[in-house]
Amino acid sequence: MIARSQKHWSDDVAELLRVREGFVLADVDPQSTPGYEQNKAHAKDDLAAGAEQLDEYQERLFAQSRVDATDASVLLVLQAMDSAGKGGIVRHVVGSVDPQGVALTAFKKPTEEELAHDFLWRIEQRAPEPGFIGVFDRSHYEDVLIGRVRELAAPDEIERRYGAINDFEKRLTDSGVRVVKVMLNISREEQKSRLAERLERPDKYWKYNPGDVDERQLWGDYMAAYQTVFERTSTEHAPWYVVPANRKWYARLAVQHLLLEALEDIDPRWPAATFDVAAEKARLAAS
């Protein structure tokens, strides 16, 4: 399905990016633009057109939820190596809709209270309510990525978590949540370039974390951890999408497309009036 406002897609990007059996992360070219044969200038126009459509869909969905006319919501899960562009997705894609209908959570290092519970305890509390677009900037997948690479949990516990994640996401989808899981895939060379830029610009110093260089030394381990995540947790009800992200404009357009498809599947409608419209017009005119 190609979103109606995004006329320059040559193919169904969701099908092209979806992780299926036999998927190999190393085969994905982070510089590529699957399904989109136009340039950055066209992408800017398409992103603007898609933003209008996304905004209307989100407002319809939110309006329906205010009158208890829907149990539907969308959860966008963003995972990536540092500097891959998660913030840009939040700002340029999700940021195009009314913020009152968005629930953004940026999960950080667990607190003492959170560590006293199962790893999904804090995640479940942030699942989007009906009518909302929820966004996880990093997510429960940190617990099987960093957890595995940095050996923060025993191997058998990591194995348990894959199944727990699948069960959790099935509960979400059964309750009306459309789960859109995106891994922004940049190359190691592109990450180095983006980190170097942060060191050259005083307005970007705040975004630089010396620990990012330490994590780069484990790049191969992280890619292997992501591969396992895809193999264990890309399901029919909550598939993974790997988005080539060396070109920021493509990544933003592709994620917007995935959100539009999720909302088109919900097909939110403006709720009917719960009052007599003609009578209210008369009352207002006489007031």
C-alpha atoms as a PDB file:
ATOM      1  CA  MET A   1       0.000   0.000   0.000  1.00  0.00           C
ATOM      2  CA  ILE A   2       1.411   3.391  -1.025  1.00  0.00           C
ATOM      3  CA  ALA A   3       0.157   6.320   1.032  1.00  0.00           C
ATOM      4  CA  ARG A   4      -1.932   8.560  -1.193  1.00  0.00           C
ATOM      5  CA  SER A   5       0.045  11.747  -0.546  1.00  0.00           C
ATOM      6  CA  GLN A   6       3.397  10.142  -1.322  1.00  0.00           C
ATOM      7  CA  LYS A   7       3.200   9.871  -5.094  1.00  0.00           C
ATOM      8  CA  HIS A   8       6.888   9.305  -5.759  1.00  0.00           C
ATOM      9  CA  TRP A   9       7.114   5.867  -4.173  1.00  0.00           C
ATOM     10  CA  SER A  10       7.743   3.328  -6.915  1.00  0.00           C
ATOM     11  CA  ASP A  11       6.916   0.336  -4.731  1.00  0.00           C
ATOM     12  CA  ASP A  12       5.445  -0.592  -1.358  1.00  0.00           C
ATOM     13  CA  VAL A  13       8.165   0.568   1.005  1.00  0.00           C
ATOM     14  CA  ALA A  14       6.719  -1.376   3.924  1.00  0.00           C
ATOM     15  CA  GLU A  15       7.148  -4.628   2.026  1.00  0.00           C
ATOM     16  CA  LEU A  16      10.647  -3.659   0.938  1.00  0.00           C
ATOM     17  CA  LEU A  17      11.793  -2.771   4.459  1.00  0.00           C
ATOM     18  CA  ARG A  18       9.975  -5.459   6.428  1.00  0.00           C
ATOM     19  CA  VAL A  19      12.112  -8.107   8.121  1.00  0.00           C
ATOM     20  CA  ARG A  20      11.087 -11.585   7.014  1.00  0.00           C
ATOM     21  CA  GLU A  21      12.517 -15.068   7.343  1.00  0.00           C
ATOM     22  CA  GLY A  22      16.021 -15.198   5.907  1.00  0.00           C
ATOM     23  CA  PHE A  23      16.690 -11.481   6.453  1.00  0.00           C
ATOM     24  CA  VAL A  24      20.375 -10.565   6.841  1.00  0.00           C
ATOM     25  CA  LEU A  25      21.168  -7.126   8.248  1.00  0.00           C
ATOM     26  CA  ALA A  26      24.609  -7.079   6.628  1.00  0.00           C
ATOM     27  CA  ASP A  27      22.910  -7.230   3.206  1.00  0.00           C
ATOM     28  CA  VAL A  28      21.152  -3.888   3.730  1.00  0.00           C
ATOM     29  CA  ASP A  29      22.947  -0.922   2.159  1.00  0.00           C
ATOM     30  CA  PRO A  30      22.553   2.019   4.585  1.00  0.00           C
ATOM     31  CA  GLN A  31      23.044   4.412   1.655  1.00  0.00           C
ATOM     32  CA  SER A  32      20.165   2.986  -0.368  1.00  0.00           C
ATOM     33  CA  THR A  33      16.650   4.380  -0.803  1.00  0.00           C
ATOM     34  CA  PRO A  34      14.414   1.334  -1.396  1.00  0.00           C
ATOM     35  CA  GLY A  35      11.214   2.107  -3.264  1.00  0.00           C
ATOM     36  CA  TYR A  36      12.011   5.791  -3.751  1.00  0.00           C
ATOM     37  CA  GLU A  37      13.644   6.803  -7.007  1.00  0.00           C
ATOM     38  CA  GLN A  38      13.491  10.572  -6.617  1.00  0.00           C
ATOM     39  CA  ASN A  39      15.958  12.971  -5.030  1.00  0.00           C
ATOM     40  CA  LYS A  40      16.145  14.991  -1.829  1.00  0.00           C
ATOM     41  CA  ALA A  41      14.152  17.882  -3.314  1.00  0.00           C
ATOM     42  CA  HIS A  42      11.227  15.638  -4.215  1.00  0.00           C
ATOM     43  CA  ALA A  43      11.463  14.008  -0.789  1.00  0.00           C
ATOM     44  CA  LYS A  44      11.048  17.404   0.889  1.00  0.00           C
ATOM     45  CA  ASP A  45       7.806  17.992  -1.017  1.00  0.00           C
ATOM     46  CA  ASP A  46       6.546  14.487  -0.297  1.00  0.00           C
ATOM     47  CA  LEU A  47       7.375  14.821   3.399  1.00  0.00           C
ATOM     48  CA  ALA A  48       5.378  18.066   3.558  1.00  0.00           C
ATOM     49  CA  ALA A  49       2.410  16.473   1.788  1.00  0.00           C
ATOM     50  CA  GLY A  50       2.591  13.440   4.038  1.00  0.00           C
ATOM     51  CA  ALA A  51       2.727  15.674   7.105  1.00  0.00           C
ATOM     52  CA  GLU A  52      -0.671  17.158   6.238  1.00  0.00           C
ATOM     53  CA  GLN A  53      -2.179  13.714   5.837  1.00  0.00           C
ATOM     54  CA  LEU A  54      -0.537  12.407   9.007  1.00  0.00           C
ATOM     55  CA  ASP A  55      -1.828  15.388  10.976  1.00  0.00           C
ATOM     56  CA  GLU A  56      -5.405  14.823   9.812  1.00  0.00           C
ATOM     57  CA  TYR A  57      -5.331  11.092  10.535  1.00  0.00           C
ATOM     58  CA  GLN A  58      -3.929  11.718  14.001  1.00  0.00           C
ATOM     59  CA  GLU A  59      -6.562  14.368  14.780  1.00  0.00           C
ATOM     60  CA  ARG A  60      -9.357  12.046  13.630  1.00  0.00           C
ATOM     61  CA  LEU A  61      -7.998   9.248  15.799  1.00  0.00           C
ATOM     62  CA  PHE A  62      -7.651  11.516  18.814  1.00  0.00           C
ATOM     63  CA  ALA A  63     -11.164  12.893  18.285  1.00  0.00           C
ATOM     64  CA  GLN A  64     -12.601   9.383  18.160  1.00  0.00           C
ATOM     65  CA  SER A  65     -10.911   8.476  21.409  1.00  0.00           C
ATOM     66  CA  ARG A  66     -12.401  11.489  23.173  1.00  0.00           C
ATOM     67  CA  VAL A  67     -15.903  10.056  22.636  1.00  0.00           C
ATOM     68  CA  ASP A  68     -14.856   6.445  23.325  1.00  0.00           C
ATOM     69  CA  ALA A  69     -15.363   5.552  19.658  1.00  0.00           C
ATOM     70  CA  THR A  70     -12.074   3.658  19.230  1.00  0.00           C
ATOM     71  CA  ASP A  71      -9.592   1.504  21.110  1.00  0.00           C
ATOM     72  CA  ALA A  72      -6.923   2.032  18.438  1.00  0.00           C
ATOM     73  CA  SER A  73      -3.527   3.664  18.848  1.00  0.00           C
ATOM     74  CA  VAL A  74      -0.099   3.525  17.213  1.00  0.00           C
ATOM     75  CA  LEU A  75       3.238   2.780  18.865  1.00  0.00           C
ATOM     76  CA  LEU A  76       6.395   3.751  16.980  1.00  0.00           C
ATOM     77  CA  VAL A  77       9.460   1.982  18.382  1.00  0.00           C
ATOM     78  CA  LEU A  78      12.734   3.616  17.325  1.00  0.00           C
ATOM     79  CA  GLN A  79      16.008   1.721  17.742  1.00  0.00           C
ATOM     80  CA  ALA A  80      19.400   2.591  16.302  1.00  0.00           C
ATOM     81  CA  MET A  81      23.044   3.125  16.978  1.00  0.00           C
ATOM     82  CA  ASP A  82      23.904   6.592  18.292  1.00  0.00           C
ATOM     83  CA  SER A  83      23.557   9.499  15.827  1.00  0.00           C
ATOM     84  CA  ALA A  84      21.371   7.476  13.439  1.00  0.00           C
ATOM     85  CA  GLY A  85      18.634  10.118  13.430  1.00  0.00           C
ATOM     86  CA  LYS A  86      16.018   9.133  16.005  1.00  0.00           C
ATOM     87  CA  GLY A  87      15.723  12.740  17.138  1.00  0.00           C
ATOM     88  CA  GLY A  88      15.176  13.882  13.563  1.00  0.00           C
ATOM     89  CA  ILE A  89      12.333  11.387  13.157  1.00  0.00           C
ATOM     90  CA  VAL A  90      10.682  12.663  16.321  1.00  0.00           C
ATOM     91  CA  ARG A  91      11.121  16.300  15.287  1.00  0.00           C
ATOM     92  CA  HIS A  92      10.373  16.187  11.559  1.00  0.00           C
ATOM     93  CA  VAL A  93       7.884  13.307  11.317  1.00  0.00           C
ATOM     94  CA  VAL A  94       6.055  12.913  14.618  1.00  0.00           C
ATOM     95  CA  GLY A  95       6.494  16.628  15.268  1.00  0.00           C
ATOM     96  CA  SER A  96       4.203  17.453  12.356  1.00  0.00           C
ATOM     97  CA  VAL A  97       1.081  16.430  14.302  1.00  0.00           C
ATOM     98  CA  ASP A  98      -0.741  18.008  17.252  1.00  0.00           C
ATOM     99  CA  PRO A  99       1.380  17.232  20.336  1.00  0.00           C
ATOM    100  CA  GLN A 100      -1.694  16.667  22.513  1.00  0.00           C
ATOM    101  CA  GLY A 101      -2.176  13.347  20.746  1.00  0.00           C
ATOM    102  CA  VAL A 102       1.454  12.181  21.074  1.00  0.00           C
ATOM    103  CA  ALA A 103       3.016  10.311  23.986  1.00  0.00           C
ATOM    104  CA  LEU A 104       6.830  10.360  23.714  1.00  0.00           C
ATOM    105  CA  THR A 105       9.051   8.335  26.009  1.00  0.00           C
ATOM    106  CA  ALA A 106      12.854   8.391  25.855  1.00  0.00           C
ATOM    107  CA  PHE A 107      13.923   5.460  28.017  1.00  0.00           C
ATOM    108  CA  LYS A 108      17.131   6.021  29.936  1.00  0.00           C
ATOM    109  CA  LYS A 109      19.174   3.875  32.293  1.00  0.00           C
ATOM    110  CA  PRO A 110      16.758   2.113  34.672  1.00  0.00           C
ATOM    111  CA  THR A 111      16.252   3.634  38.095  1.00  0.00           C
ATOM    112  CA  GLU A 112      16.600   1.653  41.316  1.00  0.00           C
ATOM    113  CA  GLU A 113      12.824   1.269  41.460  1.00  0.00           C
ATOM    114  CA  GLU A 114      12.680   0.036  37.867  1.00  0.00           C
ATOM    115  CA  LEU A 115      15.484  -2.445  38.440  1.00  0.00           C
ATOM    116  CA  ALA A 116      13.464  -3.930  41.287  1.00  0.00           C
ATOM    117  CA  HIS A 117      10.849  -5.063  38.745  1.00  0.00           C
ATOM    118  CA  ASP A 118      10.885  -7.116  35.554  1.00  0.00           C
ATOM    119  CA  PHE A 119      12.439  -5.242  32.624  1.00  0.00           C
ATOM    120  CA  LEU A 120       9.037  -4.732  30.973  1.00  0.00           C
ATOM    121  CA  TRP A 121       7.459  -3.138  34.047  1.00  0.00           C
ATOM    122  CA  ARG A 122       8.421   0.418  33.113  1.00  0.00           C
ATOM    123  CA  ILE A 123       7.653  -0.194  29.427  1.00  0.00           C
ATOM    124  CA  GLU A 124       4.096  -1.367  29.995  1.00  0.00           C
ATOM    125  CA  GLN A 125       3.320   1.826  31.890  1.00  0.00           C
ATOM    126  CA  ARG A 126       4.141   3.886  28.810  1.00  0.00           C
ATOM    127  CA  ALA A 127       2.033   2.010  26.253  1.00  0.00           C
ATOM    128  CA  PRO A 128      -0.107   4.520  24.324  1.00  0.00           C
ATOM    129  CA  GLU A 129      -3.721   5.084  25.308  1.00  0.00           C
ATOM    130  CA  PRO A 130      -6.457   4.874  22.640  1.00  0.00           C
ATOM    131  CA  GLY A 131      -6.267   7.799  20.231  1.00  0.00           C
ATOM    132  CA  PHE A 132      -2.553   8.444  20.732  1.00  0.00           C
ATOM    133  CA  ILE A 133       0.599   7.998  18.714  1.00  0.00           C
ATOM    134  CA  GLY A 134       3.123   6.660  21.186  1.00  0.00           C
ATOM    135  CA  VAL A 135       6.834   6.923  20.479  1.00  0.00           C
ATOM    136  CA  PHE A 136       9.566   4.959  22.221  1.00  0.00           C
ATOM    137  CA  ASP A 137      12.923   6.658  21.626  1.00  0.00           C
ATOM    138  CA  ARG A 138      14.836   3.514  22.512  1.00  0.00           C
ATOM    139  CA  SER A 139      12.749   0.875  24.166  1.00  0.00           C
ATOM    140  CA  HIS A 140      12.496  -2.560  25.754  1.00  0.00           C
ATOM    141  CA  TYR A 141      14.909  -3.726  23.058  1.00  0.00           C
ATOM    142  CA  GLU A 142      17.772  -2.071  24.908  1.00  0.00           C
ATOM    143  CA  ASP A 143      17.427  -4.953  27.366  1.00  0.00           C
ATOM    144  CA  VAL A 144      18.371  -7.498  24.686  1.00  0.00           C
ATOM    145  CA  LEU A 145      20.857  -5.280  22.837  1.00  0.00           C
ATOM    146  CA  ILE A 146      23.016  -3.512  25.400  1.00  0.00           C
ATOM    147  CA  GLY A 147      22.023  -6.240  27.825  1.00  0.00           C
ATOM    148  CA  ARG A 148      23.581  -8.833  25.553  1.00  0.00           C
ATOM    149  CA  VAL A 149      26.586  -6.880  24.254  1.00  0.00           C
ATOM    150  CA  ARG A 150      27.589  -5.509  27.645  1.00  0.00           C
ATOM    151  CA  GLU A 151      26.643  -8.734  29.440  1.00  0.00           C
ATOM    152  CA  LEU A 152      24.302  -6.908  31.802  1.00  0.00           C
ATOM    153  CA  ALA A 153      22.164 -10.028  32.119  1.00  0.00           C
ATOM    154  CA  ALA A 154      22.871 -13.748  31.994  1.00  0.00           C
ATOM    155  CA  PRO A 155      22.462 -15.487  28.603  1.00  0.00           C
ATOM    156  CA  ASP A 156      19.442 -17.487  29.778  1.00  0.00           C
ATOM    157  CA  GLU A 157      17.776 -14.261  30.961  1.00  0.00           C
ATOM    158  CA  ILE A 158      18.383 -12.641  27.569  1.00  0.00           C
ATOM    159  CA  GLU A 159      16.774 -15.671  25.943  1.00  0.00           C
ATOM    160  CA  ARG A 160      13.754 -15.353  28.236  1.00  0.00           C
ATOM    161  CA  ARG A 161      13.348 -11.726  27.310  1.00  0.00           C
ATOM    162  CA  TYR A 162      12.815 -12.404  23.599  1.00  0.00           C
ATOM    163  CA  GLY A 163       9.746 -14.477  24.431  1.00  0.00           C
ATOM    164  CA  ALA A 164       8.542 -11.951  27.000  1.00  0.00           C
ATOM    165  CA  ILE A 165       8.796  -9.182  24.392  1.00  0.00           C
ATOM    166  CA  ASN A 166       6.773 -11.174  21.866  1.00  0.00           C
ATOM    167  CA  ASP A 167       4.073 -11.859  24.455  1.00  0.00           C
ATOM    168  CA  PHE A 168       3.983  -8.201  25.486  1.00  0.00           C
ATOM    169  CA  GLU A 169       3.664  -6.948  21.914  1.00  0.00           C
ATOM    170  CA  LYS A 170       0.935  -9.492  21.183  1.00  0.00           C
ATOM    171  CA  ARG A 171      -1.035  -8.151  24.146  1.00  0.00           C
ATOM    172  CA  LEU A 172      -0.606  -4.657  22.728  1.00  0.00           C
ATOM    173  CA  THR A 173      -1.817  -5.548  19.261  1.00  0.00           C
ATOM    174  CA  ASP A 174      -4.720  -7.576  20.649  1.00  0.00           C
ATOM    175  CA  SER A 175      -5.811  -4.465  22.542  1.00  0.00           C
ATOM    176  CA  GLY A 176      -5.831  -2.277  19.414  1.00  0.00           C
ATOM    177  CA  VAL A 177      -2.264  -0.917  19.266  1.00  0.00           C
ATOM    178  CA  ARG A 178      -0.551  -0.888  15.873  1.00  0.00           C
ATOM    179  CA  VAL A 179       3.124  -1.521  16.654  1.00  0.00           C
ATOM    180  CA  VAL A 180       5.600  -0.064  14.146  1.00  0.00           C
ATOM    181  CA  LYS A 181       9.163  -1.161  15.002  1.00  0.00           C
ATOM    182  CA  VAL A 182      11.913   0.679  13.139  1.00  0.00           C
ATOM    183  CA  MET A 183      15.663   0.183  13.194  1.00  0.00           C
ATOM    184  CA  LEU A 184      17.462   3.140  11.593  1.00  0.00           C
ATOM    185  CA  ASN A 185      20.417   1.523   9.874  1.00  0.00           C
ATOM    186  CA  ILE A 186      23.471   3.742   9.383  1.00  0.00           C
ATOM    187  CA  SER A 187      26.945   2.635   8.418  1.00  0.00           C
ATOM    188  CA  ARG A 188      29.869   2.764  10.805  1.00  0.00           C
ATOM    189  CA  GLU A 189      31.523   5.332   8.506  1.00  0.00           C
ATOM    190  CA  GLU A 190      28.453   7.566   8.500  1.00  0.00           C
ATOM    191  CA  GLN A 191      28.243   7.445  12.273  1.00  0.00           C
ATOM    192  CA  LYS A 192      31.886   8.504  12.510  1.00  0.00           C
ATOM    193  CA  SER A 193      31.178  11.461  10.235  1.00  0.00           C
ATOM    194  CA  ARG A 194      28.164  12.569  12.287  1.00  0.00           C
ATOM    195  CA  LEU A 195      30.049  12.273  15.568  1.00  0.00           C
ATOM    196  CA  ALA A 196      32.938  14.258  14.088  1.00  0.00           C
ATOM    197  CA  GLU A 197      30.531  17.010  13.072  1.00  0.00           C
ATOM    198  CA  ARG A 198      29.336  17.280  16.660  1.00  0.00           C
ATOM    199  CA  LEU A 199      32.910  17.876  17.768  1.00  0.00           C
ATOM    200  CA  GLU A 200      33.325  20.658  15.210  1.00  0.00           C
ATOM    201  CA  ARG A 201      30.213  22.605  16.194  1.00  0.00           C
ATOM    202  CA  PRO A 202      29.771  24.205  19.615  1.00  0.00           C
ATOM    203  CA  ASP A 203      26.000  24.026  19.167  1.00  0.00           C
ATOM    204  CA  LYS A 204      26.332  20.243  18.872  1.00  0.00           C
ATOM    205  CA  TYR A 205      28.646  19.589  21.832  1.00  0.00           C
ATOM    206  CA  TRP A 206      25.665  18.817  24.036  1.00  0.00           C
ATOM    207  CA  LYS A 207      24.744  15.928  21.740  1.00  0.00           C
ATOM    208  CA  TYR A 208      28.193  14.343  21.922  1.00  0.00           C
ATOM    209  CA  ASN A 209      28.768  11.557  24.412  1.00  0.00           C
ATOM    210  CA  PRO A 210      32.343  10.252  24.848  1.00  0.00           C
ATOM    211  CA  GLY A 211      30.812   6.858  25.536  1.00  0.00           C
ATOM    212  CA  ASP A 212      29.690   6.706  21.898  1.00  0.00           C
ATOM    213  CA  VAL A 213      33.297   6.070  20.872  1.00  0.00           C
ATOM    214  CA  ASP A 214      33.473   3.165  23.300  1.00  0.00           C
ATOM    215  CA  GLU A 215      30.320   1.682  21.801  1.00  0.00           C
ATOM    216  CA  ARG A 216      31.805   2.003  18.298  1.00  0.00           C
ATOM    217  CA  GLN A 217      34.470  -0.492  19.319  1.00  0.00           C
ATOM    218  CA  LEU A 218      31.656  -3.011  19.751  1.00  0.00           C
ATOM    219  CA  TRP A 219      29.960  -2.304  16.420  1.00  0.00           C
ATOM    220  CA  GLY A 220      30.179  -5.887  15.219  1.00  0.00           C
ATOM    221  CA  ASP A 221      28.730  -7.178  18.489  1.00  0.00           C
ATOM    222  CA  TYR A 222      25.808  -4.765  18.224  1.00  0.00           C
ATOM    223  CA  MET A 223      25.080  -5.757  14.630  1.00  0.00           C
ATOM    224  CA  ALA A 224      25.037  -9.415  15.707  1.00  0.00           C
ATOM    225  CA  ALA A 225      22.687  -8.524  18.577  1.00  0.00           C
ATOM    226  CA  TYR A 226      20.363  -6.702  16.183  1.00  0.00           C
ATOM    227  CA  GLN A 227      20.374  -9.678  13.830  1.00  0.00           C
ATOM    228  CA  THR A 228      19.260 -11.929  16.675  1.00  0.00           C
ATOM    229  CA  VAL A 229      16.570  -9.431  17.686  1.00  0.00           C
ATOM    230  CA  PHE A 230      15.153  -9.497  14.170  1.00  0.00           C
ATOM    231  CA  GLU A 231      15.203 -13.278  14.018  1.00  0.00           C
ATOM    232  CA  ARG A 232      13.485 -13.698  17.395  1.00  0.00           C
ATOM    233  CA  THR A 233      11.043 -10.781  17.518  1.00  0.00           C
ATOM    234  CA  SER A 234       9.930  -9.845  13.998  1.00  0.00           C
ATOM    235  CA  THR A 235       6.441 -11.318  14.101  1.00  0.00           C
ATOM    236  CA  GLU A 236       3.283 -11.116  12.005  1.00  0.00           C
ATOM    237  CA  HIS A 237       1.605  -8.932  14.612  1.00  0.00           C
ATOM    238  CA  ALA A 238       4.656  -6.705  15.237  1.00  0.00           C
ATOM    239  CA  PRO A 239       7.187  -6.907  12.398  1.00  0.00           C
ATOM    240  CA  TRP A 240      10.479  -5.060  12.260  1.00  0.00           C
ATOM    241  CA  TYR A 241      11.336  -2.568   9.514  1.00  0.00           C
ATOM    242  CA  VAL A 242      14.995  -1.821   8.791  1.00  0.00           C
ATOM    243  CA  VAL A 243      15.281   1.662   7.290  1.00  0.00           C
ATOM    244  CA  PRO A 244      18.519   2.657   5.529  1.00  0.00           C
ATOM    245  CA  ALA A 245      19.426   5.883   7.317  1.00  0.00           C
ATOM    246  CA  ASN A 246      22.620   7.301   5.830  1.00  0.00           C
ATOM    247  CA  ARG A 247      20.340   9.701   3.944  1.00  0.00           C
ATOM    248  CA  LYS A 248      18.306  11.432   6.631  1.00  0.00           C
ATOM    249  CA  TRP A 249      15.684  12.635   4.166  1.00  0.00           C
ATOM    250  CA  TYR A 250      14.937   9.086   3.063  1.00  0.00           C
ATOM    251  CA  ALA A 251      14.715   7.733   6.608  1.00  0.00           C
ATOM    252  CA  ARG A 252      12.228  10.437   7.601  1.00  0.00           C
ATOM    253  CA  LEU A 253      10.108   9.857   4.516  1.00  0.00           C
ATOM    254  CA  ALA A 254      10.110   6.078   4.994  1.00  0.00           C
ATOM    255  CA  VAL A 255       9.117   6.261   8.679  1.00  0.00           C
ATOM    256  CA  GLN A 256       6.378   8.746   7.849  1.00  0.00           C
ATOM    257  CA  HIS A 257       5.122   6.285   5.251  1.00  0.00           C
ATOM    258  CA  LEU A 258       5.024   3.453   7.786  1.00  0.00           C
ATOM    259  CA  LEU A 259       3.024   5.620  10.203  1.00  0.00           C
ATOM    260  CA  LEU A 260       0.625   6.633   7.432  1.00  0.00           C
ATOM    261  CA  GLU A 261       0.050   2.982   6.560  1.00  0.00           C
ATOM    262  CA  ALA A 262      -0.697   2.143  10.191  1.00  0.00           C
ATOM    263  CA  LEU A 263      -3.203   4.983  10.410  1.00  0.00           C
ATOM    264  CA  GLU A 264      -4.755   4.141   7.051  1.00  0.00           C
ATOM    265  CA  ASP A 265      -5.272   0.629   8.356  1.00  0.00           C
ATOM    266  CA  ILE A 266      -7.095   2.042  11.385  1.00  0.00           C
ATOM    267  CA  ASP A 267      -9.082   4.369   9.071  1.00  0.00           C
ATOM    268  CA  PRO A 268     -10.123   6.865  11.766  1.00  0.00           C
ATOM    269  CA  ARG A 269     -13.294   8.876  11.080  1.00  0.00           C
ATOM    270  CA  TRP A 270     -14.566  12.120  12.504  1.00  0.00           C
ATOM    271  CA  PRO A 271     -16.989  11.181  15.290  1.00  0.00           C
ATOM    272  CA  ALA A 272     -20.643  11.975  14.732  1.00  0.00           C
ATOM    273  CA  ALA A 273     -22.211  14.728  16.821  1.00  0.00           C
ATOM    274  CA  THR A 274     -23.680  13.599  20.114  1.00  0.00           C
ATOM    275  CA  PHE A 275     -26.158  16.478  20.085  1.00  0.00           C
ATOM    276  CA  ASP A 276     -28.794  17.962  17.767  1.00  0.00           C
ATOM    277  CA  VAL A 277     -26.745  20.155  15.422  1.00  0.00           C
ATOM    278  CA  ALA A 278     -29.706  22.149  14.088  1.00  0.00           C
ATOM    279  CA  ALA A 279     -31.004  22.825  17.587  1.00  0.00           C
ATOM    280  CA  GLU A 280     -27.594  23.977  18.760  1.00  0.00           C
ATOM    281  CA  LYS A 281     -27.275  26.325  15.765  1.00  0.00           C
ATOM    282  CA  ALA A 282     -30.608  27.858  16.703  1.00  0.00           C
ATOM    283  CA  ARG A 283     -29.644  28.207  20.355  1.00  0.00           C
ATOM    284  CA  LEU A 284     -26.324  29.790  19.429  1.00  0.00           C
ATOM    285  CA  ALA A 285     -27.961  32.265  17.030  1.00  0.00           C
ATOM    286  CA  ALA A 286     -30.411  33.308  19.743  1.00  0.00           C
ATOM    287  CA  SER A 287     -27.763  33.744  22.421  1.00  0.00           C
END
